[in-house]
Amino acid sequence: MTAVLSLYGDEVFSSTDLNRRSGEVLNSARNRPVTISRNGEQFALLRREQAAALFQSVTGLKGAMALAIAVVCSAQNEPIPLEFEWSKALDLQDRRTMCREVLEASLKASIGEIDWPDVDNLIHEWRETGLVSESGVLDLALQSAEEHVRLTAPSPGNGDGERETGETGI
């Protein structure tokens, strides 16, 4: 039986074709996915790397979409999943910016311009920003009552950290 093109644009082979002409079927699958049809069921045959890339894309898109939904829910004062609680520490403009950046990065990853770990790293950076904001550590540092103490340049000494007067440079 000769391979035919399916609705999905791939070649369709019968299970008999796979059995009798496995080399030809596998050569076709090397270039693009093929469909193997048997008893009314259809199976996809593709390279392992293609299957891994598809799985990684679905996983990456799932994470980006879950984050985007959480941002929309938090903006509407609706409950959000616990894993995205940190996003509530960001102001509305930051949440919008984060959402745009993550969706843009996801689009780039889906067409191969960047890798999915880059999207994960971007989400991680925003999460760290949210956690720092939530902790208040940065606010405390910026509102510190102590003024910055200007350090003076050390004067030439004997090289062991002491000035000529005998004072330490610390």
C-alpha atoms as a PDB file:
ATOM      1  CA  MET A   1       0.000   0.000   0.000  1.00  0.00           C
ATOM      2  CA  THR A   2       1.281   3.485  -0.863  1.00  0.00           C
ATOM      3  CA  ALA A   3       1.438   6.099   1.854  1.00  0.00           C
ATOM      4  CA  VAL A   4      -1.217   8.787   1.658  1.00  0.00           C
ATOM      5  CA  LEU A   5      -1.268  12.266   3.178  1.00  0.00           C
ATOM      6  CA  SER A   6      -3.643  12.671   6.092  1.00  0.00           C
ATOM      7  CA  LEU A   7      -5.636  15.622   7.301  1.00  0.00           C
ATOM      8  CA  TYR A   8      -2.655  16.517   9.520  1.00  0.00           C
ATOM      9  CA  GLY A   9      -0.252  16.680   6.583  1.00  0.00           C
ATOM     10  CA  ASP A  10       1.693  13.609   7.610  1.00  0.00           C
ATOM     11  CA  GLU A  11       1.965  10.356   5.721  1.00  0.00           C
ATOM     12  CA  VAL A  12      -0.319   7.503   6.718  1.00  0.00           C
ATOM     13  CA  PHE A  13       0.922   3.925   6.626  1.00  0.00           C
ATOM     14  CA  SER A  14      -0.919   0.757   7.536  1.00  0.00           C
ATOM     15  CA  SER A  15       0.457  -1.589  10.163  1.00  0.00           C
ATOM     16  CA  THR A  16       1.136  -3.991   7.279  1.00  0.00           C
ATOM     17  CA  ASP A  17       3.302  -1.295   5.631  1.00  0.00           C
ATOM     18  CA  LEU A  18       5.212  -0.935   8.877  1.00  0.00           C
ATOM     19  CA  ASN A  19       5.719  -4.685   9.032  1.00  0.00           C
ATOM     20  CA  ARG A  20       6.743  -5.168   5.390  1.00  0.00           C
ATOM     21  CA  ARG A  21       8.517  -1.877   4.634  1.00  0.00           C
ATOM     22  CA  SER A  22       9.770  -0.752   8.019  1.00  0.00           C
ATOM     23  CA  GLY A  23      12.846   0.942   6.532  1.00  0.00           C
ATOM     24  CA  GLU A  24      10.738   3.176   4.289  1.00  0.00           C
ATOM     25  CA  VAL A  25       8.309   3.995   7.096  1.00  0.00           C
ATOM     26  CA  LEU A  26      11.133   4.819   9.516  1.00  0.00           C
ATOM     27  CA  ASN A  27      12.892   6.958   6.902  1.00  0.00           C
ATOM     28  CA  SER A  28       9.680   8.955   6.497  1.00  0.00           C
ATOM     29  CA  ALA A  29       9.384   9.287  10.268  1.00  0.00           C
ATOM     30  CA  ARG A  30      12.947  10.606  10.396  1.00  0.00           C
ATOM     31  CA  ASN A  31      11.858  13.673   8.403  1.00  0.00           C
ATOM     32  CA  ARG A  32       8.427  14.299   9.933  1.00  0.00           C
ATOM     33  CA  PRO A  33       5.829  12.463  12.005  1.00  0.00           C
ATOM     34  CA  VAL A  34       3.894   9.696  10.274  1.00  0.00           C
ATOM     35  CA  THR A  35       0.640   7.985  11.157  1.00  0.00           C
ATOM     36  CA  ILE A  36       0.370   4.222  11.470  1.00  0.00           C
ATOM     37  CA  SER A  37      -3.188   2.979  11.043  1.00  0.00           C
ATOM     38  CA  ARG A  38      -4.392  -0.351  12.404  1.00  0.00           C
ATOM     39  CA  ASN A  39      -7.951  -1.593  12.958  1.00  0.00           C
ATOM     40  CA  GLY A  40      -9.367   1.930  12.984  1.00  0.00           C
ATOM     41  CA  GLU A  41      -6.803   3.200  15.493  1.00  0.00           C
ATOM     42  CA  GLN A  42      -4.119   5.680  14.543  1.00  0.00           C
ATOM     43  CA  PHE A  43      -0.692   5.973  16.103  1.00  0.00           C
ATOM     44  CA  ALA A  44       1.909   8.693  15.675  1.00  0.00           C
ATOM     45  CA  LEU A  45       5.461   7.706  14.894  1.00  0.00           C
ATOM     46  CA  LEU A  46       8.082  10.393  15.346  1.00  0.00           C
ATOM     47  CA  ARG A  47      11.664  10.812  16.490  1.00  0.00           C
ATOM     48  CA  ARG A  48      12.252  10.711  20.224  1.00  0.00           C
ATOM     49  CA  GLU A  49      13.663  14.260  20.166  1.00  0.00           C
ATOM     50  CA  GLN A  50      10.447  15.533  18.581  1.00  0.00           C
ATOM     51  CA  ALA A  51       8.331  13.801  21.228  1.00  0.00           C
ATOM     52  CA  ALA A  52      10.511  15.272  24.002  1.00  0.00           C
ATOM     53  CA  ALA A  53      10.226  18.759  22.476  1.00  0.00           C
ATOM     54  CA  LEU A  54       6.434  18.429  22.275  1.00  0.00           C
ATOM     55  CA  PHE A  55       6.239  17.300  25.890  1.00  0.00           C
ATOM     56  CA  GLN A  56       8.516  20.144  27.011  1.00  0.00           C
ATOM     57  CA  SER A  57       6.398  22.673  25.077  1.00  0.00           C
ATOM     58  CA  VAL A  58       3.155  21.441  26.607  1.00  0.00           C
ATOM     59  CA  THR A  59       4.691  21.519  30.083  1.00  0.00           C
ATOM     60  CA  GLY A  60       6.110  25.013  29.544  1.00  0.00           C
ATOM     61  CA  LEU A  61       2.863  26.391  28.152  1.00  0.00           C
ATOM     62  CA  LYS A  62       0.936  24.854  31.034  1.00  0.00           C
ATOM     63  CA  GLY A  63       3.132  26.690  33.565  1.00  0.00           C
ATOM     64  CA  ALA A  64       2.940  30.012  31.711  1.00  0.00           C
ATOM     65  CA  MET A  65      -0.832  29.791  31.349  1.00  0.00           C
ATOM     66  CA  ALA A  66      -1.287  28.842  35.028  1.00  0.00           C
ATOM     67  CA  LEU A  67       0.748  31.913  36.022  1.00  0.00           C
ATOM     68  CA  ALA A  68      -1.255  34.167  33.685  1.00  0.00           C
ATOM     69  CA  ILE A  69      -4.548  32.844  35.087  1.00  0.00           C
ATOM     70  CA  ALA A  70      -3.284  33.405  38.648  1.00  0.00           C
ATOM     71  CA  VAL A  71      -2.400  37.009  37.789  1.00  0.00           C
ATOM     72  CA  VAL A  72      -5.871  37.623  36.335  1.00  0.00           C
ATOM     73  CA  CYS A  73      -7.525  36.027  39.362  1.00  0.00           C
ATOM     74  CA  SER A  74      -5.462  38.074  41.827  1.00  0.00           C
ATOM     75  CA  ALA A  75      -6.317  41.282  39.950  1.00  0.00           C
ATOM     76  CA  GLN A  76      -9.992  40.395  40.430  1.00  0.00           C
ATOM     77  CA  ASN A  77      -9.478  39.528  44.116  1.00  0.00           C
ATOM     78  CA  GLU A  78     -10.239  35.880  43.447  1.00  0.00           C
ATOM     79  CA  PRO A  79      -8.324  33.064  45.120  1.00  0.00           C
ATOM     80  CA  ILE A  80      -5.188  31.877  43.373  1.00  0.00           C
ATOM     81  CA  PRO A  81      -3.201  28.633  43.682  1.00  0.00           C
ATOM     82  CA  LEU A  82      -0.814  28.557  46.626  1.00  0.00           C
ATOM     83  CA  GLU A  83       2.183  28.123  44.301  1.00  0.00           C
ATOM     84  CA  PHE A  84       1.558  31.656  42.961  1.00  0.00           C
ATOM     85  CA  GLU A  85       0.817  33.432  46.264  1.00  0.00           C
ATOM     86  CA  TRP A  86       4.122  35.295  45.888  1.00  0.00           C
ATOM     87  CA  SER A  87       2.709  37.167  42.869  1.00  0.00           C
ATOM     88  CA  LYS A  88       0.310  39.064  45.145  1.00  0.00           C
ATOM     89  CA  ALA A  89       3.309  40.904  46.617  1.00  0.00           C
ATOM     90  CA  LEU A  90       3.868  42.583  43.233  1.00  0.00           C
ATOM     91  CA  ASP A  91       1.873  45.667  42.352  1.00  0.00           C
ATOM     92  CA  LEU A  92      -0.615  45.506  39.505  1.00  0.00           C
ATOM     93  CA  GLN A  93       1.747  47.047  36.943  1.00  0.00           C
ATOM     94  CA  ASP A  94       4.509  44.578  37.847  1.00  0.00           C
ATOM     95  CA  ARG A  95       2.070  41.667  37.542  1.00  0.00           C
ATOM     96  CA  ARG A  96       1.026  42.879  34.099  1.00  0.00           C
ATOM     97  CA  THR A  97       4.665  43.276  33.054  1.00  0.00           C
ATOM     98  CA  MET A  98       5.489  39.811  34.378  1.00  0.00           C
ATOM     99  CA  CYS A  99       2.541  38.299  32.543  1.00  0.00           C
ATOM    100  CA  ARG A 100       3.534  39.975  29.269  1.00  0.00           C
ATOM    101  CA  GLU A 101       7.186  38.941  29.611  1.00  0.00           C
ATOM    102  CA  VAL A 102       6.330  35.315  30.439  1.00  0.00           C
ATOM    103  CA  LEU A 103       3.819  35.020  27.584  1.00  0.00           C
ATOM    104  CA  GLU A 104       6.245  36.630  25.106  1.00  0.00           C
ATOM    105  CA  ALA A 105       9.023  34.283  26.247  1.00  0.00           C
ATOM    106  CA  SER A 106       6.651  31.310  25.945  1.00  0.00           C
ATOM    107  CA  LEU A 107       5.819  32.280  22.380  1.00  0.00           C
ATOM    108  CA  LYS A 108       9.518  32.554  21.545  1.00  0.00           C
ATOM    109  CA  ALA A 109      10.167  29.154  23.125  1.00  0.00           C
ATOM    110  CA  SER A 110       7.283  27.574  21.228  1.00  0.00           C
ATOM    111  CA  ILE A 111       8.827  28.623  17.902  1.00  0.00           C
ATOM    112  CA  GLY A 112      12.371  27.743  18.946  1.00  0.00           C
ATOM    113  CA  GLU A 113      13.848  31.240  19.351  1.00  0.00           C
ATOM    114  CA  ILE A 114      14.721  30.511  22.995  1.00  0.00           C
ATOM    115  CA  ASP A 115      14.724  27.383  25.151  1.00  0.00           C
ATOM    116  CA  TRP A 116      11.984  26.509  27.643  1.00  0.00           C
ATOM    117  CA  PRO A 117      14.432  26.644  30.576  1.00  0.00           C
ATOM    118  CA  ASP A 118      14.791  30.364  29.748  1.00  0.00           C
ATOM    119  CA  VAL A 119      11.055  30.760  30.412  1.00  0.00           C
ATOM    120  CA  ASP A 120      11.412  28.830  33.680  1.00  0.00           C
ATOM    121  CA  ASN A 121      14.310  31.105  34.659  1.00  0.00           C
ATOM    122  CA  LEU A 122      12.229  34.208  33.923  1.00  0.00           C
ATOM    123  CA  ILE A 123       9.390  32.928  36.111  1.00  0.00           C
ATOM    124  CA  HIS A 124      11.933  32.088  38.824  1.00  0.00           C
ATOM    125  CA  GLU A 125      13.348  35.640  38.698  1.00  0.00           C
ATOM    126  CA  TRP A 126       9.865  37.119  39.057  1.00  0.00           C
ATOM    127  CA  ARG A 127       9.145  34.704  41.923  1.00  0.00           C
ATOM    128  CA  GLU A 128      12.324  35.831  43.698  1.00  0.00           C
ATOM    129  CA  THR A 129      11.285  39.457  43.161  1.00  0.00           C
ATOM    130  CA  GLY A 130       7.884  38.724  44.679  1.00  0.00           C
ATOM    131  CA  LEU A 131       9.399  36.904  47.658  1.00  0.00           C
ATOM    132  CA  VAL A 132      11.834  39.760  48.361  1.00  0.00           C
ATOM    133  CA  SER A 133       8.990  42.254  48.094  1.00  0.00           C
ATOM    134  CA  GLU A 134       6.807  40.103  50.343  1.00  0.00           C
ATOM    135  CA  SER A 135       9.544  39.763  52.981  1.00  0.00           C
ATOM    136  CA  GLY A 136       9.992  43.533  53.329  1.00  0.00           C
ATOM    137  CA  VAL A 137      13.775  43.167  53.480  1.00  0.00           C
ATOM    138  CA  LEU A 138      14.331  45.583  50.627  1.00  0.00           C
ATOM    139  CA  ASP A 139      11.973  48.169  52.131  1.00  0.00           C
ATOM    140  CA  LEU A 140      13.835  47.973  55.438  1.00  0.00           C
ATOM    141  CA  ALA A 141      17.160  48.420  53.714  1.00  0.00           C
ATOM    142  CA  LEU A 142      15.911  51.420  51.761  1.00  0.00           C
ATOM    143  CA  GLN A 143      14.280  53.023  54.803  1.00  0.00           C
ATOM    144  CA  SER A 144      17.246  52.462  57.092  1.00  0.00           C
ATOM    145  CA  ALA A 145      17.711  55.310  59.592  1.00  0.00           C
ATOM    146  CA  GLU A 146      21.463  55.055  59.311  1.00  0.00           C
ATOM    147  CA  GLU A 147      23.074  57.275  56.768  1.00  0.00           C
ATOM    148  CA  HIS A 148      25.741  55.912  54.535  1.00  0.00           C
ATOM    149  CA  VAL A 149      29.186  56.364  56.028  1.00  0.00           C
ATOM    150  CA  ARG A 150      31.657  57.547  53.469  1.00  0.00           C
ATOM    151  CA  LEU A 151      34.867  55.566  53.508  1.00  0.00           C
ATOM    152  CA  THR A 152      38.089  57.478  53.294  1.00  0.00           C
ATOM    153  CA  ALA A 153      40.912  56.406  51.072  1.00  0.00           C
ATOM    154  CA  PRO A 154      43.673  54.715  53.056  1.00  0.00           C
ATOM    155  CA  SER A 155      46.921  56.581  53.259  1.00  0.00           C
ATOM    156  CA  PRO A 156      50.093  54.832  52.221  1.00  0.00           C
ATOM    157  CA  GLY A 157      51.321  52.721  55.079  1.00  0.00           C
ATOM    158  CA  ASN A 158      53.489  49.767  55.737  1.00  0.00           C
ATOM    159  CA  GLY A 159      51.259  47.375  53.737  1.00  0.00           C
ATOM    160  CA  ASP A 160      49.725  45.555  56.703  1.00  0.00           C
ATOM    161  CA  GLY A 161      46.597  47.679  56.866  1.00  0.00           C
ATOM    162  CA  GLU A 162      47.933  50.210  59.333  1.00  0.00           C
ATOM    163  CA  ARG A 163      48.360  53.870  58.583  1.00  0.00           C
ATOM    164  CA  GLU A 164      51.503  55.733  59.349  1.00  0.00           C
ATOM    165  CA  THR A 165      49.822  57.046  62.488  1.00  0.00           C
ATOM    166  CA  GLY A 166      49.319  53.500  63.706  1.00  0.00           C
ATOM    167  CA  GLU A 167      45.559  53.509  63.154  1.00  0.00           C
ATOM    168  CA  THR A 168      43.973  50.636  61.306  1.00  0.00           C
ATOM    169  CA  GLY A 169      42.300  51.330  57.979  1.00  0.00           C
ATOM    170  CA  ILE A 170      39.197  49.412  58.983  1.00  0.00           C
END
